[in-house]
Amino acid sequence: MRTLVIGSSGGIGGAIATAAAARGEVVGLSRRDDGLDITDEDSIARLIGGLEGPFDLIVVATGALIIDGIGPEKTVKALSAKALAAQFAVNAIGPALVIKHALRLMPRDRVARLAVLSARVGSIGDNGLGGWYGYRAAKAALNQLLHTAAIEARRTHPQSVLVSLHPGTVETTLAPSQRAGHPAVSPAEAARNLLAVLEALGPEASGGFFDWKGETVPW
């Protein structure tokens, strides 16, 4: 089994790479180790374009809650065009461009999986608290982009499984406030959970949004 982890120097990405290494070869790309800029398509195309497939599993584990020192908005009055654009660039557009360039690395003749790390707060149906405008909207957009790509991928990769995953609350540096009031798990435990979910999902689940327990998350 060959695994490609985008964002392999991050908390969850690194843990997924470590866990997947017990199952076979792992290739990782990250800003820290490879100069990957998820907001720059030339960077994405250059680094992913230099890889040879096939990969049985591709995980896009990039993302940010606080960007340029700006955290989640608590009220609509805190919205700014610059902060919203940054959230979309990092949390929606970047992963979508990875899918664009990485799909060619997936085998066409067998089951292969591609997952993006989303977040439950990106669920419109599950939003009962409000706030976190930019991050919520960007993750919701990511889910739509992934779902649409999954429909297209079925035509060329009929056994492909493209899904959005909510990893739960994980002990990373994403943001201390994210953990407030929520039991958190270690990155290693989160990685084990996510890999177990992915292993259980078949082509019929492609385009779906699932949590770390394998349960469907409302759109």
N, C-alpha and C. Protein backbone atom coordinates (compact mmCIF):
# COMPACT_ATOMS: atom_id res chain seq x y z
N MET A 1 0.84 -1.19 0.00
CA MET A 1 0.00 0.00 0.00
C MET A 1 0.88 1.24 0.00
N ARG A 2 0.61 2.16 -0.92
CA ARG A 2 1.34 3.42 -0.98
C ARG A 2 0.42 4.56 -0.56
N THR A 3 0.94 5.42 0.30
CA THR A 3 0.16 6.52 0.84
C THR A 3 0.87 7.84 0.58
N LEU A 4 0.11 8.84 0.18
CA LEU A 4 0.61 10.20 0.01
C LEU A 4 -0.09 11.08 1.02
N VAL A 5 0.69 11.78 1.85
CA VAL A 5 0.12 12.68 2.84
C VAL A 5 0.55 14.11 2.50
N ILE A 6 -0.41 14.95 2.22
CA ILE A 6 -0.16 16.37 1.98
C ILE A 6 -0.37 17.10 3.30
N GLY A 7 0.69 17.76 3.77
CA GLY A 7 0.65 18.35 5.11
C GLY A 7 1.23 17.41 6.14
N SER A 8 2.28 16.70 5.74
CA SER A 8 2.83 15.63 6.58
C SER A 8 3.65 16.13 7.76
N SER A 9 3.91 17.43 7.85
CA SER A 9 4.65 17.95 9.00
C SER A 9 3.72 18.47 10.09
N GLY A 10 2.42 18.47 9.83
CA GLY A 10 1.45 18.93 10.82
C GLY A 10 1.14 17.85 11.84
N GLY A 11 0.36 18.21 12.86
CA GLY A 11 0.04 17.26 13.92
C GLY A 11 -0.69 16.03 13.41
N ILE A 12 -1.82 16.23 12.75
CA ILE A 12 -2.60 15.09 12.26
C ILE A 12 -1.92 14.46 11.05
N GLY A 13 -1.42 15.29 10.14
CA GLY A 13 -0.77 14.77 8.95
C GLY A 13 0.44 13.91 9.29
N GLY A 14 1.24 14.38 10.24
CA GLY A 14 2.41 13.61 10.66
C GLY A 14 2.02 12.29 11.30
N ALA A 15 0.96 12.31 12.09
CA ALA A 15 0.50 11.09 12.74
C ALA A 15 -0.06 10.11 11.73
N ILE A 16 -0.76 10.61 10.71
CA ILE A 16 -1.27 9.72 9.66
C ILE A 16 -0.11 9.10 8.90
N ALA A 17 0.93 9.89 8.60
CA ALA A 17 2.09 9.36 7.89
C ALA A 17 2.77 8.27 8.71
N THR A 18 2.89 8.50 10.01
CA THR A 18 3.52 7.50 10.88
C THR A 18 2.70 6.22 10.94
N ALA A 19 1.39 6.36 11.10
CA ALA A 19 0.53 5.17 11.18
C ALA A 19 0.51 4.42 9.86
N ALA A 20 0.48 5.16 8.76
CA ALA A 20 0.42 4.51 7.44
C ALA A 20 1.72 3.81 7.10
N ALA A 21 2.82 4.24 7.69
CA ALA A 21 4.12 3.63 7.41
C ALA A 21 4.16 2.17 7.84
N ALA A 22 3.29 1.81 8.79
CA ALA A 22 3.23 0.41 9.22
C ALA A 22 2.55 -0.47 8.18
N ARG A 23 1.91 0.16 7.20
CA ARG A 23 1.17 -0.58 6.19
C ARG A 23 1.85 -0.57 4.83
N GLY A 24 2.89 0.23 4.69
CA GLY A 24 3.57 0.30 3.40
C GLY A 24 4.33 1.60 3.23
N GLU A 25 4.61 1.95 1.99
CA GLU A 25 5.40 3.14 1.68
C GLU A 25 4.58 4.40 1.88
N VAL A 26 5.21 5.43 2.43
CA VAL A 26 4.55 6.72 2.64
C VAL A 26 5.39 7.81 2.02
N VAL A 27 4.75 8.68 1.27
CA VAL A 27 5.38 9.88 0.73
C VAL A 27 4.68 11.08 1.35
N GLY A 28 5.44 12.00 1.89
CA GLY A 28 4.86 13.18 2.52
C GLY A 28 5.33 14.46 1.85
N LEU A 29 4.43 15.44 1.78
CA LEU A 29 4.76 16.77 1.29
C LEU A 29 4.26 17.79 2.30
N SER A 30 5.07 18.80 2.57
CA SER A 30 4.66 19.82 3.53
C SER A 30 5.39 21.12 3.24
N ARG A 31 4.91 22.18 3.85
CA ARG A 31 5.59 23.47 3.72
C ARG A 31 6.96 23.42 4.39
N ARG A 32 7.02 22.87 5.60
CA ARG A 32 8.26 22.85 6.36
C ARG A 32 9.36 22.06 5.67
N ASP A 33 9.00 20.88 5.15
CA ASP A 33 10.03 19.98 4.62
C ASP A 33 10.25 20.12 3.12
N ASP A 34 9.24 20.58 2.39
CA ASP A 34 9.34 20.59 0.93
C ASP A 34 9.03 21.94 0.30
N GLY A 35 8.65 22.92 1.11
CA GLY A 35 8.31 24.23 0.55
C GLY A 35 6.95 24.28 -0.12
N LEU A 36 6.08 23.33 0.22
CA LEU A 36 4.74 23.33 -0.37
C LEU A 36 3.93 24.52 0.13
N ASP A 37 3.43 25.31 -0.79
CA ASP A 37 2.54 26.44 -0.44
C ASP A 37 1.16 26.09 -0.94
N ILE A 38 0.28 25.75 -0.03
CA ILE A 38 -1.05 25.29 -0.39
C ILE A 38 -1.87 26.39 -1.06
N THR A 39 -1.44 27.63 -0.95
CA THR A 39 -2.16 28.75 -1.57
C THR A 39 -1.58 29.12 -2.93
N ASP A 40 -0.61 28.36 -3.43
CA ASP A 40 0.06 28.66 -4.69
C ASP A 40 -0.03 27.44 -5.60
N GLU A 41 -0.81 27.54 -6.67
CA GLU A 41 -0.99 26.37 -7.53
C GLU A 41 0.30 25.96 -8.20
N ASP A 42 1.18 26.90 -8.51
CA ASP A 42 2.45 26.52 -9.12
C ASP A 42 3.25 25.61 -8.19
N SER A 43 3.22 25.92 -6.89
CA SER A 43 3.90 25.10 -5.90
C SER A 43 3.28 23.71 -5.83
N ILE A 44 1.97 23.66 -5.81
CA ILE A 44 1.26 22.39 -5.76
C ILE A 44 1.56 21.56 -7.00
N ALA A 45 1.47 22.19 -8.17
CA ALA A 45 1.68 21.47 -9.42
C ALA A 45 3.11 20.96 -9.53
N ARG A 46 4.06 21.76 -9.09
CA ARG A 46 5.46 21.36 -9.20
C ARG A 46 5.77 20.15 -8.33
N LEU A 47 5.33 20.20 -7.08
CA LEU A 47 5.67 19.12 -6.15
C LEU A 47 4.87 17.84 -6.42
N ILE A 48 3.59 17.98 -6.64
CA ILE A 48 2.80 16.78 -6.94
C ILE A 48 3.14 16.26 -8.33
N GLY A 49 3.46 17.17 -9.25
CA GLY A 49 3.82 16.76 -10.60
C GLY A 49 5.11 15.95 -10.65
N GLY A 50 5.92 16.08 -9.62
CA GLY A 50 7.16 15.32 -9.57
C GLY A 50 7.02 13.93 -9.00
N LEU A 51 5.81 13.56 -8.61
CA LEU A 51 5.58 12.24 -8.01
C LEU A 51 5.12 11.23 -9.05
N GLU A 52 5.45 9.98 -8.80
CA GLU A 52 4.99 8.88 -9.65
C GLU A 52 3.99 8.04 -8.87
N GLY A 53 2.85 7.78 -9.48
CA GLY A 53 1.85 6.94 -8.85
C GLY A 53 2.10 5.47 -9.16
N PRO A 54 1.14 4.61 -8.81
CA PRO A 54 -0.11 4.99 -8.16
C PRO A 54 0.01 5.02 -6.63
N PHE A 55 -0.92 5.77 -6.02
CA PHE A 55 -1.06 5.79 -4.57
C PHE A 55 -2.43 5.22 -4.22
N ASP A 56 -2.45 4.30 -3.27
CA ASP A 56 -3.71 3.71 -2.84
C ASP A 56 -4.50 4.63 -1.91
N LEU A 57 -3.79 5.52 -1.24
CA LEU A 57 -4.43 6.45 -0.33
C LEU A 57 -3.73 7.81 -0.42
N ILE A 58 -4.53 8.86 -0.57
CA ILE A 58 -4.03 10.23 -0.55
C ILE A 58 -4.82 10.98 0.51
N VAL A 59 -4.10 11.61 1.44
CA VAL A 59 -4.76 12.36 2.51
C VAL A 59 -4.27 13.81 2.45
N VAL A 60 -5.22 14.73 2.36
CA VAL A 60 -4.91 16.16 2.37
C VAL A 60 -5.17 16.65 3.79
N ALA A 61 -4.08 16.81 4.54
CA ALA A 61 -4.19 17.13 5.97
C ALA A 61 -3.74 18.55 6.26
N THR A 62 -3.96 19.44 5.31
CA THR A 62 -3.61 20.85 5.51
C THR A 62 -4.81 21.59 6.10
N GLY A 63 -4.55 22.79 6.59
CA GLY A 63 -5.64 23.61 7.12
C GLY A 63 -5.16 24.53 8.21
N ALA A 64 -5.93 25.57 8.46
CA ALA A 64 -5.58 26.54 9.50
C ALA A 64 -6.85 27.21 10.01
N LEU A 65 -6.89 27.43 11.30
CA LEU A 65 -8.00 28.15 11.91
C LEU A 65 -7.64 29.62 12.10
N ILE A 66 -6.44 29.86 12.59
CA ILE A 66 -5.94 31.23 12.77
C ILE A 66 -4.95 31.53 11.65
N ILE A 67 -5.23 32.56 10.87
CA ILE A 67 -4.39 32.92 9.73
C ILE A 67 -3.98 34.38 9.87
N ASP A 68 -2.68 34.62 9.80
CA ASP A 68 -2.14 35.98 9.95
C ASP A 68 -2.61 36.63 11.26
N GLY A 69 -2.70 35.79 12.30
CA GLY A 69 -3.07 36.30 13.61
C GLY A 69 -4.55 36.56 13.81
N ILE A 70 -5.35 36.27 12.81
CA ILE A 70 -6.80 36.52 12.90
C ILE A 70 -7.51 35.21 13.17
N GLY A 71 -8.21 35.15 14.29
CA GLY A 71 -8.92 33.94 14.69
C GLY A 71 -10.37 33.97 14.26
N PRO A 72 -11.15 32.99 14.72
CA PRO A 72 -12.57 32.89 14.33
C PRO A 72 -13.38 34.12 14.73
N GLU A 73 -14.22 34.57 13.83
CA GLU A 73 -15.08 35.72 14.11
C GLU A 73 -16.23 35.30 15.02
N LYS A 74 -16.50 36.09 16.03
CA LYS A 74 -17.61 35.80 16.94
C LYS A 74 -18.90 36.49 16.49
N THR A 75 -18.77 37.48 15.63
CA THR A 75 -19.93 38.23 15.18
C THR A 75 -19.73 38.67 13.75
N VAL A 76 -20.83 38.92 13.05
CA VAL A 76 -20.76 39.35 11.67
C VAL A 76 -20.03 40.69 11.55
N LYS A 77 -20.04 41.47 12.61
CA LYS A 77 -19.35 42.76 12.58
C LYS A 77 -17.84 42.61 12.46
N ALA A 78 -17.34 41.42 12.78
CA ALA A 78 -15.89 41.18 12.73
C ALA A 78 -15.41 40.71 11.36
N LEU A 79 -16.32 40.53 10.42
CA LEU A 79 -15.92 40.03 9.11
C LEU A 79 -15.06 41.04 8.36
N SER A 80 -14.08 40.50 7.63
CA SER A 80 -13.29 41.32 6.71
C SER A 80 -13.05 40.53 5.45
N ALA A 81 -13.01 41.23 4.32
CA ALA A 81 -12.82 40.55 3.05
C ALA A 81 -11.47 39.83 3.01
N LYS A 82 -10.45 40.45 3.56
CA LYS A 82 -9.11 39.86 3.53
C LYS A 82 -9.07 38.56 4.33
N ALA A 83 -9.65 38.56 5.52
CA ALA A 83 -9.63 37.36 6.36
C ALA A 83 -10.47 36.25 5.73
N LEU A 84 -11.61 36.59 5.14
CA LEU A 84 -12.44 35.58 4.49
C LEU A 84 -11.70 34.96 3.31
N ALA A 85 -11.05 35.80 2.52
CA ALA A 85 -10.30 35.29 1.37
C ALA A 85 -9.18 34.37 1.81
N ALA A 86 -8.53 34.71 2.90
CA ALA A 86 -7.43 33.87 3.40
C ALA A 86 -7.96 32.52 3.86
N GLN A 87 -9.10 32.51 4.53
CA GLN A 87 -9.69 31.24 4.96
C GLN A 87 -10.02 30.35 3.77
N PHE A 88 -10.59 30.93 2.74
CA PHE A 88 -10.94 30.14 1.56
C PHE A 88 -9.68 29.65 0.84
N ALA A 89 -8.66 30.50 0.77
CA ALA A 89 -7.43 30.10 0.08
C ALA A 89 -6.79 28.90 0.74
N VAL A 90 -6.73 28.89 2.07
CA VAL A 90 -6.06 27.83 2.81
C VAL A 90 -6.95 26.59 2.96
N ASN A 91 -8.19 26.79 3.32
CA ASN A 91 -9.03 25.67 3.74
C ASN A 91 -9.96 25.11 2.67
N ALA A 92 -10.09 25.79 1.53
CA ALA A 92 -10.96 25.28 0.47
C ALA A 92 -10.24 25.20 -0.87
N ILE A 93 -9.70 26.32 -1.32
CA ILE A 93 -9.10 26.36 -2.65
C ILE A 93 -7.85 25.48 -2.72
N GLY A 94 -6.99 25.61 -1.71
CA GLY A 94 -5.76 24.81 -1.71
C GLY A 94 -6.01 23.32 -1.81
N PRO A 95 -6.82 22.74 -0.91
CA PRO A 95 -7.12 21.31 -1.01
C PRO A 95 -7.76 20.92 -2.34
N ALA A 96 -8.62 21.80 -2.89
CA ALA A 96 -9.25 21.50 -4.18
C ALA A 96 -8.21 21.41 -5.28
N LEU A 97 -7.20 22.29 -5.24
CA LEU A 97 -6.14 22.26 -6.24
C LEU A 97 -5.27 21.02 -6.07
N VAL A 98 -5.11 20.58 -4.83
CA VAL A 98 -4.40 19.31 -4.62
C VAL A 98 -5.14 18.17 -5.30
N ILE A 99 -6.46 18.13 -5.13
CA ILE A 99 -7.25 17.09 -5.80
C ILE A 99 -7.05 17.17 -7.31
N LYS A 100 -7.08 18.38 -7.84
CA LYS A 100 -6.90 18.58 -9.28
C LYS A 100 -5.62 17.91 -9.78
N HIS A 101 -4.53 18.11 -9.05
CA HIS A 101 -3.24 17.61 -9.51
C HIS A 101 -2.92 16.19 -9.03
N ALA A 102 -3.62 15.73 -7.99
CA ALA A 102 -3.30 14.42 -7.43
C ALA A 102 -4.15 13.29 -7.99
N LEU A 103 -5.26 13.61 -8.62
CA LEU A 103 -6.16 12.56 -9.10
C LEU A 103 -5.46 11.62 -10.07
N ARG A 104 -4.53 12.13 -10.85
CA ARG A 104 -3.82 11.29 -11.82
C ARG A 104 -2.97 10.22 -11.13
N LEU A 105 -2.68 10.42 -9.84
CA LEU A 105 -1.84 9.48 -9.11
C LEU A 105 -2.62 8.30 -8.56
N MET A 106 -3.94 8.33 -8.69
CA MET A 106 -4.76 7.24 -8.17
C MET A 106 -4.95 6.16 -9.24
N PRO A 107 -4.88 4.90 -8.85
CA PRO A 107 -5.09 3.82 -9.83
C PRO A 107 -6.53 3.82 -10.33
N ARG A 108 -6.70 3.39 -11.57
CA ARG A 108 -8.03 3.35 -12.19
C ARG A 108 -8.67 1.97 -12.11
N ASP A 109 -7.87 0.96 -11.78
CA ASP A 109 -8.35 -0.42 -11.88
C ASP A 109 -8.64 -1.07 -10.54
N ARG A 110 -8.59 -0.32 -9.46
CA ARG A 110 -8.88 -0.89 -8.14
C ARG A 110 -9.33 0.22 -7.19
N VAL A 111 -9.76 -0.18 -6.01
CA VAL A 111 -10.20 0.80 -5.02
C VAL A 111 -9.03 1.64 -4.57
N ALA A 112 -9.22 2.95 -4.58
CA ALA A 112 -8.22 3.90 -4.08
C ALA A 112 -8.97 5.03 -3.41
N ARG A 113 -8.36 5.58 -2.38
CA ARG A 113 -9.06 6.55 -1.55
C ARG A 113 -8.32 7.88 -1.48
N LEU A 114 -9.08 8.96 -1.49
CA LEU A 114 -8.55 10.31 -1.28
C LEU A 114 -9.43 10.99 -0.25
N ALA A 115 -8.80 11.50 0.81
CA ALA A 115 -9.55 12.15 1.87
C ALA A 115 -9.01 13.55 2.13
N VAL A 116 -9.92 14.48 2.39
CA VAL A 116 -9.53 15.81 2.84
C VAL A 116 -10.01 15.98 4.28
N LEU A 117 -9.19 16.64 5.09
CA LEU A 117 -9.61 16.90 6.46
C LEU A 117 -10.52 18.12 6.47
N SER A 118 -11.76 17.89 6.81
CA SER A 118 -12.74 18.95 6.94
C SER A 118 -12.97 19.19 8.43
N ALA A 119 -14.15 19.65 8.79
CA ALA A 119 -14.48 19.89 10.20
C ALA A 119 -15.99 19.91 10.35
N ARG A 120 -16.45 19.42 11.49
CA ARG A 120 -17.89 19.42 11.72
C ARG A 120 -18.48 20.82 11.67
N VAL A 121 -17.70 21.82 12.04
CA VAL A 121 -18.22 23.20 11.99
C VAL A 121 -18.50 23.64 10.56
N GLY A 122 -18.01 22.89 9.57
CA GLY A 122 -18.34 23.19 8.19
C GLY A 122 -19.71 22.66 7.79
N SER A 123 -20.36 21.94 8.67
CA SER A 123 -21.71 21.43 8.40
C SER A 123 -22.73 22.55 8.58
N ILE A 124 -23.50 22.82 7.54
CA ILE A 124 -24.57 23.83 7.65
C ILE A 124 -25.71 23.28 8.51
N GLY A 125 -26.05 22.01 8.31
CA GLY A 125 -27.15 21.42 9.05
C GLY A 125 -26.88 21.28 10.54
N ASP A 126 -25.60 21.20 10.91
CA ASP A 126 -25.23 20.99 12.31
C ASP A 126 -24.86 22.29 13.01
N ASN A 127 -25.01 23.41 12.32
CA ASN A 127 -24.61 24.70 12.88
C ASN A 127 -25.73 25.28 13.74
N GLY A 128 -25.60 25.08 15.06
CA GLY A 128 -26.60 25.63 15.97
C GLY A 128 -26.06 26.72 16.86
N LEU A 129 -24.78 27.05 16.71
CA LEU A 129 -24.14 28.01 17.60
C LEU A 129 -23.78 29.32 16.92
N GLY A 130 -23.59 29.31 15.60
CA GLY A 130 -23.17 30.51 14.90
C GLY A 130 -21.69 30.81 15.11
N GLY A 131 -21.26 31.98 14.68
CA GLY A 131 -19.86 32.36 14.82
C GLY A 131 -18.95 31.59 13.88
N TRP A 132 -17.66 31.89 13.97
CA TRP A 132 -16.64 31.21 13.17
C TRP A 132 -16.97 31.28 11.67
N TYR A 133 -17.37 32.45 11.22
CA TYR A 133 -17.89 32.61 9.86
C TYR A 133 -16.94 32.09 8.78
N GLY A 134 -15.72 32.61 8.76
CA GLY A 134 -14.79 32.28 7.69
C GLY A 134 -14.41 30.81 7.66
N TYR A 135 -14.06 30.27 8.81
CA TYR A 135 -13.65 28.86 8.88
C TYR A 135 -14.81 27.95 8.52
N ARG A 136 -16.00 28.23 9.07
CA ARG A 136 -17.17 27.43 8.73
C ARG A 136 -17.43 27.44 7.23
N ALA A 137 -17.44 28.65 6.66
CA ALA A 137 -17.78 28.78 5.24
C ALA A 137 -16.74 28.11 4.36
N ALA A 138 -15.47 28.23 4.72
CA ALA A 138 -14.41 27.61 3.91
C ALA A 138 -14.51 26.09 3.96
N LYS A 139 -14.78 25.54 5.12
CA LYS A 139 -14.91 24.08 5.22
C LYS A 139 -16.17 23.59 4.51
N ALA A 140 -17.24 24.38 4.55
CA ALA A 140 -18.45 24.02 3.80
C ALA A 140 -18.15 24.02 2.30
N ALA A 141 -17.37 25.00 1.86
CA ALA A 141 -16.99 25.07 0.45
C ALA A 141 -16.10 23.88 0.09
N LEU A 142 -15.19 23.52 0.98
CA LEU A 142 -14.34 22.36 0.74
C LEU A 142 -15.18 21.10 0.55
N ASN A 143 -16.20 20.94 1.39
CA ASN A 143 -17.06 19.76 1.27
C ASN A 143 -17.76 19.72 -0.09
N GLN A 144 -18.21 20.86 -0.57
CA GLN A 144 -18.87 20.92 -1.87
C GLN A 144 -17.89 20.62 -3.00
N LEU A 145 -16.69 21.17 -2.91
CA LEU A 145 -15.67 20.91 -3.92
C LEU A 145 -15.31 19.43 -3.96
N LEU A 146 -15.14 18.83 -2.79
CA LEU A 146 -14.81 17.40 -2.71
C LEU A 146 -15.94 16.56 -3.29
N HIS A 147 -17.17 16.88 -2.91
CA HIS A 147 -18.33 16.12 -3.40
C HIS A 147 -18.42 16.18 -4.92
N THR A 148 -18.20 17.36 -5.47
CA THR A 148 -18.27 17.53 -6.92
C THR A 148 -17.14 16.77 -7.62
N ALA A 149 -15.95 16.83 -7.05
CA ALA A 149 -14.82 16.10 -7.62
C ALA A 149 -15.06 14.59 -7.58
N ALA A 150 -15.73 14.12 -6.53
CA ALA A 150 -16.02 12.69 -6.42
C ALA A 150 -16.94 12.23 -7.53
N ILE A 151 -17.91 13.05 -7.90
CA ILE A 151 -18.82 12.70 -8.99
C ILE A 151 -18.04 12.58 -10.30
N GLU A 152 -17.16 13.55 -10.55
CA GLU A 152 -16.36 13.51 -11.78
C GLU A 152 -15.39 12.32 -11.77
N ALA A 153 -14.80 12.04 -10.62
CA ALA A 153 -13.79 10.98 -10.54
C ALA A 153 -14.37 9.61 -10.86
N ARG A 154 -15.66 9.42 -10.59
CA ARG A 154 -16.29 8.13 -10.88
C ARG A 154 -16.19 7.76 -12.37
N ARG A 155 -16.11 8.77 -13.21
CA ARG A 155 -16.09 8.52 -14.65
C ARG A 155 -14.75 7.96 -15.11
N THR A 156 -13.68 8.39 -14.47
CA THR A 156 -12.34 7.94 -14.87
C THR A 156 -11.76 6.92 -13.90
N HIS A 157 -12.20 6.99 -12.64
CA HIS A 157 -11.72 6.09 -11.59
C HIS A 157 -12.95 5.49 -10.90
N PRO A 158 -13.59 4.51 -11.54
CA PRO A 158 -14.88 4.01 -11.05
C PRO A 158 -14.86 3.42 -9.65
N GLN A 159 -13.69 3.03 -9.15
CA GLN A 159 -13.61 2.47 -7.81
C GLN A 159 -13.00 3.46 -6.81
N SER A 160 -12.97 4.73 -7.18
CA SER A 160 -12.38 5.73 -6.29
C SER A 160 -13.30 6.05 -5.12
N VAL A 161 -12.70 6.47 -4.03
CA VAL A 161 -13.43 6.87 -2.83
C VAL A 161 -12.86 8.23 -2.39
N LEU A 162 -13.61 9.29 -2.68
CA LEU A 162 -13.20 10.64 -2.28
C LEU A 162 -14.14 11.10 -1.17
N VAL A 163 -13.60 11.45 -0.02
CA VAL A 163 -14.44 11.80 1.12
C VAL A 163 -13.84 12.96 1.92
N SER A 164 -14.73 13.67 2.61
CA SER A 164 -14.35 14.65 3.62
C SER A 164 -14.42 13.98 4.98
N LEU A 165 -13.43 14.25 5.84
CA LEU A 165 -13.40 13.64 7.16
C LEU A 165 -13.30 14.68 8.26
N HIS A 166 -14.09 14.48 9.30
CA HIS A 166 -13.99 15.28 10.52
C HIS A 166 -13.21 14.47 11.54
N PRO A 167 -12.01 14.92 11.94
CA PRO A 167 -11.17 14.11 12.81
C PRO A 167 -11.53 14.15 14.28
N GLY A 168 -12.51 14.98 14.65
CA GLY A 168 -12.80 15.19 16.06
C GLY A 168 -11.91 16.29 16.61
N THR A 169 -11.94 16.48 17.91
CA THR A 169 -11.10 17.48 18.55
C THR A 169 -9.76 16.84 18.89
N VAL A 170 -8.71 17.38 18.30
CA VAL A 170 -7.38 16.77 18.38
C VAL A 170 -6.41 17.73 19.05
N GLU A 171 -5.52 17.17 19.83
CA GLU A 171 -4.52 17.97 20.55
C GLU A 171 -3.42 18.42 19.59
N THR A 172 -3.69 19.51 18.86
CA THR A 172 -2.70 20.08 17.95
C THR A 172 -2.59 21.57 18.24
N THR A 173 -1.75 22.23 17.45
CA THR A 173 -1.57 23.68 17.61
C THR A 173 -2.55 24.47 16.76
N LEU A 174 -3.56 23.81 16.21
CA LEU A 174 -4.53 24.52 15.36
C LEU A 174 -5.07 25.74 16.07
N ALA A 175 -5.53 25.55 17.30
CA ALA A 175 -5.98 26.68 18.11
C ALA A 175 -6.39 26.16 19.47
N PRO A 176 -5.82 26.71 20.56
CA PRO A 176 -6.22 26.26 21.89
C PRO A 176 -7.70 26.42 22.13
N SER A 177 -8.32 27.46 21.57
CA SER A 177 -9.73 27.71 21.82
C SER A 177 -10.60 26.62 21.23
N GLN A 178 -10.08 25.92 20.21
CA GLN A 178 -10.86 24.87 19.59
C GLN A 178 -11.12 23.73 20.56
N ARG A 179 -10.25 23.58 21.54
CA ARG A 179 -10.37 22.44 22.45
C ARG A 179 -11.21 22.75 23.68
N ALA A 180 -11.52 24.02 23.86
CA ALA A 180 -12.24 24.41 25.07
C ALA A 180 -13.58 23.69 25.17
N GLY A 181 -13.77 22.96 26.25
CA GLY A 181 -15.04 22.29 26.48
C GLY A 181 -15.22 21.01 25.71
N HIS A 182 -14.21 20.59 24.95
CA HIS A 182 -14.34 19.37 24.17
C HIS A 182 -13.20 18.41 24.52
N PRO A 183 -13.51 17.17 24.86
CA PRO A 183 -12.45 16.19 25.10
C PRO A 183 -11.61 16.03 23.83
N ALA A 184 -10.31 16.07 23.98
CA ALA A 184 -9.42 15.98 22.83
C ALA A 184 -8.66 14.66 22.85
N VAL A 185 -8.34 14.17 21.66
CA VAL A 185 -7.54 12.96 21.54
C VAL A 185 -6.17 13.34 20.97
N SER A 186 -5.22 12.47 21.11
CA SER A 186 -3.89 12.73 20.58
C SER A 186 -3.91 12.60 19.06
N PRO A 187 -2.96 13.22 18.37
CA PRO A 187 -2.88 13.04 16.91
C PRO A 187 -2.76 11.57 16.52
N ALA A 188 -2.01 10.79 17.31
CA ALA A 188 -1.84 9.37 16.98
C ALA A 188 -3.18 8.64 17.03
N GLU A 189 -3.99 8.93 18.05
CA GLU A 189 -5.30 8.27 18.14
C GLU A 189 -6.21 8.75 17.02
N ALA A 190 -6.16 10.04 16.71
CA ALA A 190 -6.97 10.57 15.61
C ALA A 190 -6.59 9.90 14.30
N ALA A 191 -5.29 9.72 14.07
CA ALA A 191 -4.84 9.07 12.84
C ALA A 191 -5.34 7.65 12.74
N ARG A 192 -5.26 6.91 13.84
CA ARG A 192 -5.77 5.53 13.83
C ARG A 192 -7.26 5.50 13.52
N ASN A 193 -8.00 6.41 14.12
CA ASN A 193 -9.44 6.47 13.88
C ASN A 193 -9.74 6.75 12.41
N LEU A 194 -9.05 7.73 11.84
CA LEU A 194 -9.33 8.13 10.46
C LEU A 194 -8.94 7.04 9.47
N LEU A 195 -7.82 6.39 9.70
CA LEU A 195 -7.40 5.31 8.80
C LEU A 195 -8.37 4.14 8.87
N ALA A 196 -8.89 3.87 10.06
CA ALA A 196 -9.87 2.79 10.20
C ALA A 196 -11.15 3.13 9.45
N VAL A 197 -11.58 4.38 9.53
CA VAL A 197 -12.78 4.81 8.80
C VAL A 197 -12.55 4.67 7.30
N LEU A 198 -11.42 5.15 6.83
CA LEU A 198 -11.13 5.09 5.40
C LEU A 198 -11.09 3.66 4.89
N GLU A 199 -10.50 2.78 5.66
CA GLU A 199 -10.39 1.39 5.25
C GLU A 199 -11.75 0.75 5.08
N ALA A 200 -12.73 1.22 5.85
CA ALA A 200 -14.07 0.62 5.81
C ALA A 200 -14.96 1.22 4.73
N LEU A 201 -14.55 2.34 4.14
CA LEU A 201 -15.40 3.01 3.15
C LEU A 201 -15.10 2.49 1.75
N GLY A 202 -16.16 2.14 1.03
CA GLY A 202 -16.03 1.69 -0.34
C GLY A 202 -16.51 2.74 -1.32
N PRO A 203 -16.47 2.44 -2.62
CA PRO A 203 -16.86 3.41 -3.65
C PRO A 203 -18.27 3.98 -3.47
N GLU A 204 -19.15 3.21 -2.85
CA GLU A 204 -20.52 3.72 -2.64
C GLU A 204 -20.55 4.91 -1.71
N ALA A 205 -19.49 5.10 -0.92
CA ALA A 205 -19.43 6.22 0.03
C ALA A 205 -18.77 7.45 -0.57
N SER A 206 -18.28 7.35 -1.80
CA SER A 206 -17.54 8.46 -2.39
C SER A 206 -18.40 9.72 -2.47
N GLY A 207 -17.79 10.84 -2.12
CA GLY A 207 -18.51 12.10 -2.09
C GLY A 207 -19.12 12.43 -0.76
N GLY A 208 -18.93 11.55 0.24
CA GLY A 208 -19.57 11.73 1.54
C GLY A 208 -18.73 12.50 2.54
N PHE A 209 -19.35 12.82 3.66
CA PHE A 209 -18.74 13.58 4.75
C PHE A 209 -18.92 12.74 6.01
N PHE A 210 -17.80 12.29 6.59
CA PHE A 210 -17.85 11.35 7.70
C PHE A 210 -17.00 11.85 8.87
N ASP A 211 -17.39 11.43 10.08
CA ASP A 211 -16.59 11.79 11.24
C ASP A 211 -15.64 10.65 11.60
N TRP A 212 -14.90 10.84 12.68
CA TRP A 212 -13.87 9.90 13.07
C TRP A 212 -14.42 8.54 13.52
N LYS A 213 -15.72 8.47 13.71
CA LYS A 213 -16.36 7.19 14.06
C LYS A 213 -16.94 6.50 12.83
N GLY A 214 -16.84 7.16 11.69
CA GLY A 214 -17.43 6.60 10.48
C GLY A 214 -18.88 6.97 10.28
N GLU A 215 -19.39 7.88 11.10
CA GLU A 215 -20.79 8.28 10.98
C GLU A 215 -20.91 9.48 10.03
N THR A 216 -22.00 9.49 9.27
CA THR A 216 -22.23 10.57 8.31
C THR A 216 -22.49 11.89 9.03
N VAL A 217 -21.84 12.95 8.56
CA VAL A 217 -22.04 14.29 9.10
C VAL A 217 -23.01 15.03 8.18
N PRO A 218 -24.01 15.73 8.70
CA PRO A 218 -24.95 16.46 7.84
C PRO A 218 -24.22 17.52 7.02
N TRP A 219 -24.71 17.73 5.80
CA TRP A 219 -24.15 18.81 4.99
C TRP A 219 -24.51 20.16 5.59
